[in-house]
Amino acid sequence: MVSVDTVSRIMQAADRWDTPASQLKAHCLAYVIEHYEAVVHSAAFEELTSSPHLLLAVTREAAKLIAPPLRMPSWESDSRPPKRRRST
């Protein structure tokens, strides 16, 4: 049922109406990654422009294949440099 021409519509429908426990959206995302070249060059893929959060999910999954995840030092997540200890 999922194909290059239908995956975008099915993913949008799964996002809107499926239960959180459903794996349909995850299956569609995996299909997009597996058939990336064909899917992103299809006219049907442009339907996802109305669902930017789904395009973001596709981008994040594709990025995992391109580059390893960056590890930020724990202090960067707080956006403040670490405190220095005073010497006594």
PDB file of N, CA and C in Angstrom:
ATOM      1  N   MET A   1       0.829  -1.193   0.000  1.00  0.00           N
ATOM      2  CA  MET A   1       0.000   0.000   0.000  1.00  0.00           C
ATOM      3  C   MET A   1       0.878   1.263   0.000  1.00  0.00           C
ATOM      4  N   VAL A   2       1.995   1.240   0.716  1.00  0.00           N
ATOM      5  CA  VAL A   2       2.888   2.399   0.739  1.00  0.00           C
ATOM      6  C   VAL A   2       3.773   2.348  -0.497  1.00  0.00           C
ATOM      7  N   SER A   3       3.810   3.466  -1.209  1.00  0.00           N
ATOM      8  CA  SER A   3       4.647   3.551  -2.406  1.00  0.00           C
ATOM      9  C   SER A   3       5.222   4.960  -2.492  1.00  0.00           C
ATOM     10  N   VAL A   4       6.062   5.176  -3.474  1.00  0.00           N
ATOM     11  CA  VAL A   4       6.657   6.502  -3.684  1.00  0.00           C
ATOM     12  C   VAL A   4       5.562   7.550  -3.846  1.00  0.00           C
ATOM     13  N   ASP A   5       4.503   7.197  -4.551  1.00  0.00           N
ATOM     14  CA  ASP A   5       3.431   8.157  -4.826  1.00  0.00           C
ATOM     15  C   ASP A   5       2.416   8.311  -3.700  1.00  0.00           C
ATOM     16  N   THR A   6       2.392   7.378  -2.745  1.00  0.00           N
ATOM     17  CA  THR A   6       1.384   7.458  -1.684  1.00  0.00           C
ATOM     18  C   THR A   6       1.951   7.752  -0.294  1.00  0.00           C
ATOM     19  N   VAL A   7       3.241   7.618  -0.110  1.00  0.00           N
ATOM     20  CA  VAL A   7       3.813   7.702   1.229  1.00  0.00           C
ATOM     21  C   VAL A   7       3.561   9.058   1.890  1.00  0.00           C
ATOM     22  N   SER A   8       3.590  10.135   1.140  1.00  0.00           N
ATOM     23  CA  SER A   8       3.375  11.464   1.739  1.00  0.00           C
ATOM     24  C   SER A   8       1.957  11.600   2.281  1.00  0.00           C
ATOM     25  N   ARG A   9       0.975  11.173   1.499  1.00  0.00           N
ATOM     26  CA  ARG A   9      -0.415  11.262   1.958  1.00  0.00           C
ATOM     27  C   ARG A   9      -0.677  10.355   3.148  1.00  0.00           C
ATOM     28  N   ILE A  10      -0.123   9.156   3.090  1.00  0.00           N
ATOM     29  CA  ILE A  10      -0.332   8.218   4.195  1.00  0.00           C
ATOM     30  C   ILE A  10       0.316   8.747   5.465  1.00  0.00           C
ATOM     31  N   MET A  11       1.501   9.320   5.350  1.00  0.00           N
ATOM     32  CA  MET A  11       2.183   9.866   6.527  1.00  0.00           C
ATOM     33  C   MET A  11       1.392  11.032   7.111  1.00  0.00           C
ATOM     34  N   GLN A  12       0.831  11.886   6.276  1.00  0.00           N
ATOM     35  CA  GLN A  12       0.019  12.988   6.784  1.00  0.00           C
ATOM     36  C   GLN A  12      -1.241  12.467   7.468  1.00  0.00           C
ATOM     37  N   ALA A  13      -1.887  11.487   6.872  1.00  0.00           N
ATOM     38  CA  ALA A  13      -3.093  10.913   7.483  1.00  0.00           C
ATOM     39  C   ALA A  13      -2.752  10.248   8.816  1.00  0.00           C
ATOM     40  N   ALA A  14      -1.658   9.515   8.863  1.00  0.00           N
ATOM     41  CA  ALA A  14      -1.238   8.865  10.106  1.00  0.00           C
ATOM     42  C   ALA A  14      -0.930   9.905  11.179  1.00  0.00           C
ATOM     43  N   ASP A  15      -0.324  11.002  10.779  1.00  0.00           N
ATOM     44  CA  ASP A  15       0.000  12.074  11.723  1.00  0.00           C
ATOM     45  C   ASP A  15      -1.270  12.690  12.303  1.00  0.00           C
ATOM     46  N   ARG A  16      -2.279  12.832  11.483  1.00  0.00           N
ATOM     47  CA  ARG A  16      -3.517  13.484  11.930  1.00  0.00           C
ATOM     48  C   ARG A  16      -4.450  12.560  12.697  1.00  0.00           C
ATOM     49  N   TRP A  17      -4.617  11.322  12.225  1.00  0.00           N
ATOM     50  CA  TRP A  17      -5.707  10.498  12.741  1.00  0.00           C
ATOM     51  C   TRP A  17      -5.297   9.221  13.449  1.00  0.00           C
ATOM     52  N   ASP A  18      -4.064   8.782  13.344  1.00  0.00           N
ATOM     53  CA  ASP A  18      -3.675   7.543  14.007  1.00  0.00           C
ATOM     54  C   ASP A  18      -3.473   7.746  15.498  1.00  0.00           C
ATOM     55  N   THR A  19      -3.566   6.648  16.208  1.00  0.00           N
ATOM     56  CA  THR A  19      -3.319   6.694  17.649  1.00  0.00           C
ATOM     57  C   THR A  19      -1.818   6.803  17.902  1.00  0.00           C
ATOM     58  N   PRO A  20      -1.432   7.309  19.054  1.00  0.00           N
ATOM     59  CA  PRO A  20      -0.002   7.416  19.362  1.00  0.00           C
ATOM     60  C   PRO A  20       0.722   6.063  19.319  1.00  0.00           C
ATOM     61  N   ALA A  21       0.014   4.986  19.600  1.00  0.00           N
ATOM     62  CA  ALA A  21       0.636   3.658  19.605  1.00  0.00           C
ATOM     63  C   ALA A  21       0.832   3.096  18.200  1.00  0.00           C
ATOM     64  N   SER A  22       0.210   3.693  17.215  1.00  0.00           N
ATOM     65  CA  SER A  22       0.323   3.198  15.842  1.00  0.00           C
ATOM     66  C   SER A  22       1.732   3.404  15.309  1.00  0.00           C
ATOM     67  N   GLN A  23       2.178   2.488  14.507  1.00  0.00           N
ATOM     68  CA  GLN A  23       3.507   2.566  13.913  1.00  0.00           C
ATOM     69  C   GLN A  23       3.455   3.004  12.456  1.00  0.00           C
ATOM     70  N   LEU A  24       2.277   3.410  11.968  1.00  0.00           N
ATOM     71  CA  LEU A  24       2.134   3.748  10.559  1.00  0.00           C
ATOM     72  C   LEU A  24       3.010   4.938  10.159  1.00  0.00           C
ATOM     73  N   LYS A  25       3.019   5.979  10.970  1.00  0.00           N
ATOM     74  CA  LYS A  25       3.845   7.145  10.641  1.00  0.00           C
ATOM     75  C   LYS A  25       5.332   6.777  10.644  1.00  0.00           C
ATOM     76  N   ALA A  26       5.750   5.986  11.616  1.00  0.00           N
ATOM     77  CA  ALA A  26       7.147   5.546  11.678  1.00  0.00           C
ATOM     78  C   ALA A  26       7.487   4.668  10.471  1.00  0.00           C
ATOM     79  N   HIS A  27       6.544   3.825  10.065  1.00  0.00           N
ATOM     80  CA  HIS A  27       6.762   2.984   8.887  1.00  0.00           C
ATOM     81  C   HIS A  27       6.934   3.853   7.636  1.00  0.00           C
ATOM     82  N   CYS A  28       6.106   4.874   7.512  1.00  0.00           N
ATOM     83  CA  CYS A  28       6.202   5.788   6.361  1.00  0.00           C
ATOM     84  C   CYS A  28       7.534   6.526   6.369  1.00  0.00           C
ATOM     85  N   LEU A  29       7.952   6.974   7.525  1.00  0.00           N
ATOM     86  CA  LEU A  29       9.230   7.684   7.630  1.00  0.00           C
ATOM     87  C   LEU A  29      10.380   6.761   7.228  1.00  0.00           C
ATOM     88  N   ALA A  30      10.332   5.531   7.679  1.00  0.00           N
ATOM     89  CA  ALA A  30      11.363   4.559   7.300  1.00  0.00           C
ATOM     90  C   ALA A  30      11.332   4.303   5.790  1.00  0.00           C
ATOM     91  N   TYR A  31      10.141   4.261   5.214  1.00  0.00           N
ATOM     92  CA  TYR A  31      10.012   4.061   3.766  1.00  0.00           C
ATOM     93  C   TYR A  31      10.642   5.228   3.010  1.00  0.00           C
ATOM     94  N   VAL A  32      10.365   6.450   3.470  1.00  0.00           N
ATOM     95  CA  VAL A  32      10.932   7.634   2.821  1.00  0.00           C
ATOM     96  C   VAL A  32      12.460   7.559   2.837  1.00  0.00           C
ATOM     97  N   ILE A  33      13.038   7.199   3.969  1.00  0.00           N
ATOM     98  CA  ILE A  33      14.496   7.126   4.078  1.00  0.00           C
ATOM     99  C   ILE A  33      15.045   6.014   3.186  1.00  0.00           C
ATOM    100  N   GLU A  34      14.369   4.880   3.159  1.00  0.00           N
ATOM    101  CA  GLU A  34      14.833   3.744   2.361  1.00  0.00           C
ATOM    102  C   GLU A  34      14.768   4.036   0.857  1.00  0.00           C
ATOM    103  N   HIS A  35      13.779   4.818   0.446  1.00  0.00           N
ATOM    104  CA  HIS A  35      13.577   5.142  -0.973  1.00  0.00           C
ATOM    105  C   HIS A  35      13.740   6.649  -1.201  1.00  0.00           C
ATOM    106  N   TYR A  36      14.685   7.232  -0.489  1.00  0.00           N
ATOM    107  CA  TYR A  36      14.846   8.681  -0.412  1.00  0.00           C
ATOM    108  C   TYR A  36      14.876   9.374  -1.771  1.00  0.00           C
ATOM    109  N   GLU A  37      15.765   8.951  -2.657  1.00  0.00           N
ATOM    110  CA  GLU A  37      15.913   9.623  -3.952  1.00  0.00           C
ATOM    111  C   GLU A  37      14.604   9.656  -4.726  1.00  0.00           C
ATOM    112  N   ALA A  38      13.940   8.529  -4.812  1.00  0.00           N
ATOM    113  CA  ALA A  38      12.686   8.453  -5.569  1.00  0.00           C
ATOM    114  C   ALA A  38      11.581   9.278  -4.917  1.00  0.00           C
ATOM    115  N   VAL A  39      11.498   9.205  -3.584  1.00  0.00           N
ATOM    116  CA  VAL A  39      10.426   9.914  -2.879  1.00  0.00           C
ATOM    117  C   VAL A  39      10.598  11.425  -2.977  1.00  0.00           C
ATOM    118  N   VAL A  40      11.784  11.942  -2.668  1.00  0.00           N
ATOM    119  CA  VAL A  40      11.948  13.402  -2.639  1.00  0.00           C
ATOM    120  C   VAL A  40      11.883  14.033  -4.027  1.00  0.00           C
ATOM    121  N   HIS A  41      12.080  13.229  -5.069  1.00  0.00           N
ATOM    122  CA  HIS A  41      11.965  13.768  -6.420  1.00  0.00           C
ATOM    123  C   HIS A  41      10.584  13.546  -7.024  1.00  0.00           C
ATOM    124  N   SER A  42       9.674  12.984  -6.269  1.00  0.00           N
ATOM    125  CA  SER A  42       8.313  12.774  -6.771  1.00  0.00           C
ATOM    126  C   SER A  42       7.469  14.017  -6.525  1.00  0.00           C
ATOM    127  N   ALA A  43       6.493  14.204  -7.354  1.00  0.00           N
ATOM    128  CA  ALA A  43       5.581  15.342  -7.188  1.00  0.00           C
ATOM    129  C   ALA A  43       4.779  15.209  -5.896  1.00  0.00           C
ATOM    130  N   ALA A  44       4.485  13.987  -5.495  1.00  0.00           N
ATOM    131  CA  ALA A  44       3.694  13.761  -4.286  1.00  0.00           C
ATOM    132  C   ALA A  44       4.411  14.244  -3.020  1.00  0.00           C
ATOM    133  N   PHE A  45       5.733  14.231  -3.020  1.00  0.00           N
ATOM    134  CA  PHE A  45       6.488  14.662  -1.846  1.00  0.00           C
ATOM    135  C   PHE A  45       6.218  16.128  -1.517  1.00  0.00           C
ATOM    136  N   GLU A  46       5.928  16.925  -2.528  1.00  0.00           N
ATOM    137  CA  GLU A  46       5.653  18.350  -2.297  1.00  0.00           C
ATOM    138  C   GLU A  46       4.405  18.574  -1.457  1.00  0.00           C
ATOM    139  N   GLU A  47       3.569  17.552  -1.328  1.00  0.00           N
ATOM    140  CA  GLU A  47       2.386  17.668  -0.470  1.00  0.00           C
ATOM    141  C   GLU A  47       2.777  17.886   0.992  1.00  0.00           C
ATOM    142  N   LEU A  48       3.981  17.476   1.344  1.00  0.00           N
ATOM    143  CA  LEU A  48       4.419  17.653   2.727  1.00  0.00           C
ATOM    144  C   LEU A  48       4.743  19.102   3.073  1.00  0.00           C
ATOM    145  N   THR A  49       4.726  19.988   2.100  1.00  0.00           N
ATOM    146  CA  THR A  49       4.966  21.404   2.426  1.00  0.00           C
ATOM    147  C   THR A  49       3.866  21.955   3.324  1.00  0.00           C
ATOM    148  N   SER A  50       2.708  21.310   3.332  1.00  0.00           N
ATOM    149  CA  SER A  50       1.641  21.749   4.239  1.00  0.00           C
ATOM    150  C   SER A  50       1.819  21.173   5.643  1.00  0.00           C
ATOM    151  N   SER A  51       2.821  20.329   5.831  1.00  0.00           N
ATOM    152  CA  SER A  51       3.120  19.730   7.139  1.00  0.00           C
ATOM    153  C   SER A  51       4.610  19.866   7.438  1.00  0.00           C
ATOM    154  N   PRO A  52       5.065  21.088   7.754  1.00  0.00           N
ATOM    155  CA  PRO A  52       6.498  21.306   7.963  1.00  0.00           C
ATOM    156  C   PRO A  52       7.110  20.415   9.037  1.00  0.00           C
ATOM    157  N   HIS A  53       6.347  20.048  10.043  1.00  0.00           N
ATOM    158  CA  HIS A  53       6.893  19.190  11.098  1.00  0.00           C
ATOM    159  C   HIS A  53       7.238  17.802  10.563  1.00  0.00           C
ATOM    160  N   LEU A  54       6.524  17.343   9.537  1.00  0.00           N
ATOM    161  CA  LEU A  54       6.854  16.060   8.924  1.00  0.00           C
ATOM    162  C   LEU A  54       8.106  16.188   8.050  1.00  0.00           C
ATOM    163  N   LEU A  55       8.234  17.309   7.356  1.00  0.00           N
ATOM    164  CA  LEU A  55       9.464  17.543   6.595  1.00  0.00           C
ATOM    165  C   LEU A  55      10.666  17.610   7.521  1.00  0.00           C
ATOM    166  N   LEU A  56      10.482  18.200   8.675  1.00  0.00           N
ATOM    167  CA  LEU A  56      11.553  18.265   9.668  1.00  0.00           C
ATOM    168  C   LEU A  56      11.928  16.861  10.152  1.00  0.00           C
ATOM    169  N   ALA A  57      10.929  16.018  10.359  1.00  0.00           N
ATOM    170  CA  ALA A  57      11.196  14.639  10.780  1.00  0.00           C
ATOM    171  C   ALA A  57      11.986  13.894   9.711  1.00  0.00           C
ATOM    172  N   VAL A  58      11.623  14.092   8.452  1.00  0.00           N
ATOM    173  CA  VAL A  58      12.356  13.458   7.343  1.00  0.00           C
ATOM    174  C   VAL A  58      13.797  13.970   7.319  1.00  0.00           C
ATOM    175  N   THR A  59      13.960  15.266   7.462  1.00  0.00           N
ATOM    176  CA  THR A  59      15.297  15.869   7.449  1.00  0.00           C
ATOM    177  C   THR A  59      16.163  15.319   8.579  1.00  0.00           C
ATOM    178  N   ARG A  60      15.592  15.215   9.761  1.00  0.00           N
ATOM    179  CA  ARG A  60      16.358  14.709  10.907  1.00  0.00           C
ATOM    180  C   ARG A  60      16.760  13.248  10.715  1.00  0.00           C
ATOM    181  N   GLU A  61      15.870  12.444  10.156  1.00  0.00           N
ATOM    182  CA  GLU A  61      16.208  11.039   9.899  1.00  0.00           C
ATOM    183  C   GLU A  61      17.294  10.928   8.831  1.00  0.00           C
ATOM    184  N   ALA A  62      17.190  11.739   7.792  1.00  0.00           N
ATOM    185  CA  ALA A  62      18.199  11.720   6.731  1.00  0.00           C
ATOM    186  C   ALA A  62      19.545  12.187   7.270  1.00  0.00           C
ATOM    187  N   ALA A  63      19.531  13.166   8.152  1.00  0.00           N
ATOM    188  CA  ALA A  63      20.778  13.686   8.717  1.00  0.00           C
ATOM    189  C   ALA A  63      21.507  12.625   9.537  1.00  0.00           C
ATOM    190  N   LYS A  64      20.779  11.723  10.149  1.00  0.00           N
ATOM    191  CA  LYS A  64      21.409  10.649  10.921  1.00  0.00           C
ATOM    192  C   LYS A  64      22.259   9.755  10.026  1.00  0.00           C
ATOM    193  N   LEU A  65      21.871   9.648   8.774  1.00  0.00           N
ATOM    194  CA  LEU A  65      22.611   8.811   7.834  1.00  0.00           C
ATOM    195  C   LEU A  65      23.831   9.526   7.271  1.00  0.00           C
ATOM    196  N   ILE A  66      23.780  10.846   7.252  1.00  0.00           N
ATOM    197  CA  ILE A  66      24.848  11.634   6.649  1.00  0.00           C
ATOM    198  C   ILE A  66      25.997  11.879   7.617  1.00  0.00           C
ATOM    199  N   ALA A  67      25.670  12.237   8.841  1.00  0.00           N
ATOM    200  CA  ALA A  67      26.709  12.596   9.812  1.00  0.00           C
ATOM    201  C   ALA A  67      26.356  12.026  11.173  1.00  0.00           C
ATOM    202  N   PRO A  68      27.375  11.679  11.950  1.00  0.00           N
ATOM    203  CA  PRO A  68      27.104  11.205  13.307  1.00  0.00           C
ATOM    204  C   PRO A  68      26.562  12.352  14.156  1.00  0.00           C
ATOM    205  N   PRO A  69      25.801  12.041  15.186  1.00  0.00           N
ATOM    206  CA  PRO A  69      25.260  13.104  16.043  1.00  0.00           C
ATOM    207  C   PRO A  69      26.374  13.873  16.738  1.00  0.00           C
ATOM    208  N   LEU A  70      26.166  15.158  16.874  1.00  0.00           N
ATOM    209  CA  LEU A  70      27.137  16.000  17.570  1.00  0.00           C
ATOM    210  C   LEU A  70      26.931  15.867  19.068  1.00  0.00           C
ATOM    211  N   ARG A  71      28.025  15.822  19.776  1.00  0.00           N
ATOM    212  CA  ARG A  71      27.938  15.786  21.234  1.00  0.00           C
ATOM    213  C   ARG A  71      28.340  17.148  21.762  1.00  0.00           C
ATOM    214  N   MET A  72      27.408  17.781  22.431  1.00  0.00           N
ATOM    215  CA  MET A  72      27.696  19.081  23.020  1.00  0.00           C
ATOM    216  C   MET A  72      28.142  18.878  24.461  1.00  0.00           C
ATOM    217  N   PRO A  73      29.095  19.669  24.899  1.00  0.00           N
ATOM    218  CA  PRO A  73      29.430  19.620  26.326  1.00  0.00           C
ATOM    219  C   PRO A  73      28.193  19.974  27.134  1.00  0.00           C
ATOM    220  N   SER A  74      28.044  19.401  28.288  1.00  0.00           N
ATOM    221  CA  SER A  74      26.844  19.609  29.091  1.00  0.00           C
ATOM    222  C   SER A  74      26.602  21.079  29.408  1.00  0.00           C
ATOM    223  N   TRP A  75      27.656  21.849  29.524  1.00  0.00           N
ATOM    224  CA  TRP A  75      27.452  23.262  29.852  1.00  0.00           C
ATOM    225  C   TRP A  75      26.882  24.035  28.682  1.00  0.00           C
ATOM    226  N   GLU A  76      27.034  23.579  27.441  1.00  0.00           N
ATOM    227  CA  GLU A  76      26.481  24.305  26.297  1.00  0.00           C
ATOM    228  C   GLU A  76      24.969  24.231  26.259  1.00  0.00           C
ATOM    229  N   SER A  77      24.395  23.171  26.744  1.00  0.00           N
ATOM    230  CA  SER A  77      22.943  23.067  26.729  1.00  0.00           C
ATOM    231  C   SER A  77      22.319  24.123  27.630  1.00  0.00           C
ATOM    232  N   ASP A  78      23.070  24.586  28.603  1.00  0.00           N
ATOM    233  CA  ASP A  78      22.590  25.630  29.499  1.00  0.00           C
ATOM    234  C   ASP A  78      22.965  27.013  28.966  1.00  0.00           C
ATOM    235  N   SER A  79      23.750  27.064  27.917  1.00  0.00           N
ATOM    236  CA  SER A  79      24.245  28.280  27.257  1.00  0.00           C
ATOM    237  C   SER A  79      25.070  29.185  28.166  1.00  0.00           C
ATOM    238  N   ARG A  80      25.621  28.628  29.235  1.00  0.00           N
ATOM    239  CA  ARG A  80      26.526  29.370  30.098  1.00  0.00           C
ATOM    240  C   ARG A  80      27.798  28.564  30.255  1.00  0.00           C
ATOM    241  N   PRO A  81      28.946  29.228  30.287  1.00  0.00           N
ATOM    242  CA  PRO A  81      30.194  28.481  30.501  1.00  0.00           C
ATOM    243  C   PRO A  81      30.226  27.901  31.911  1.00  0.00           C
ATOM    244  N   PRO A  82      31.004  26.847  32.105  1.00  0.00           N
ATOM    245  CA  PRO A  82      31.080  26.265  33.451  1.00  0.00           C
ATOM    246  C   PRO A  82      31.731  27.239  34.427  1.00  0.00           C
ATOM    247  N   LYS A  83      31.327  27.121  35.665  1.00  0.00           N
ATOM    248  CA  LYS A  83      31.907  27.974  36.705  1.00  0.00           C
ATOM    249  C   LYS A  83      33.282  27.457  37.064  1.00  0.00           C
ATOM    250  N   ARG A  84      34.180  28.390  37.320  1.00  0.00           N
ATOM    251  CA  ARG A  84      35.523  28.007  37.748  1.00  0.00           C
ATOM    252  C   ARG A  84      35.548  27.913  39.253  1.00  0.00           C
ATOM    253  N   ARG A  85      36.308  26.950  39.707  1.00  0.00           N
ATOM    254  CA  ARG A  85      36.468  26.830  41.163  1.00  0.00           C
ATOM    255  C   ARG A  85      37.525  27.819  41.633  1.00  0.00           C
ATOM    256  N   ARG A  86      37.278  28.350  42.775  1.00  0.00           N
ATOM    257  CA  ARG A  86      38.266  29.246  43.375  1.00  0.00           C
ATOM    258  C   ARG A  86      39.346  28.419  44.012  1.00  0.00           C
ATOM    259  N   SER A  87      40.572  28.824  43.811  1.00  0.00           N
ATOM    260  CA  SER A  87      41.669  28.122  44.477  1.00  0.00           C
ATOM    261  C   SER A  87      41.792  28.673  45.896  1.00  0.00           C
ATOM    262  N   THR A  88      42.004  27.788  46.827  1.00  0.00           N
ATOM    263  CA  THR A  88      42.094  28.215  48.231  1.00  0.00           C
ATOM    264  C   THR A  88      43.474  28.076  48.770  1.00  0.00           C
TER     265      THR A  88
END
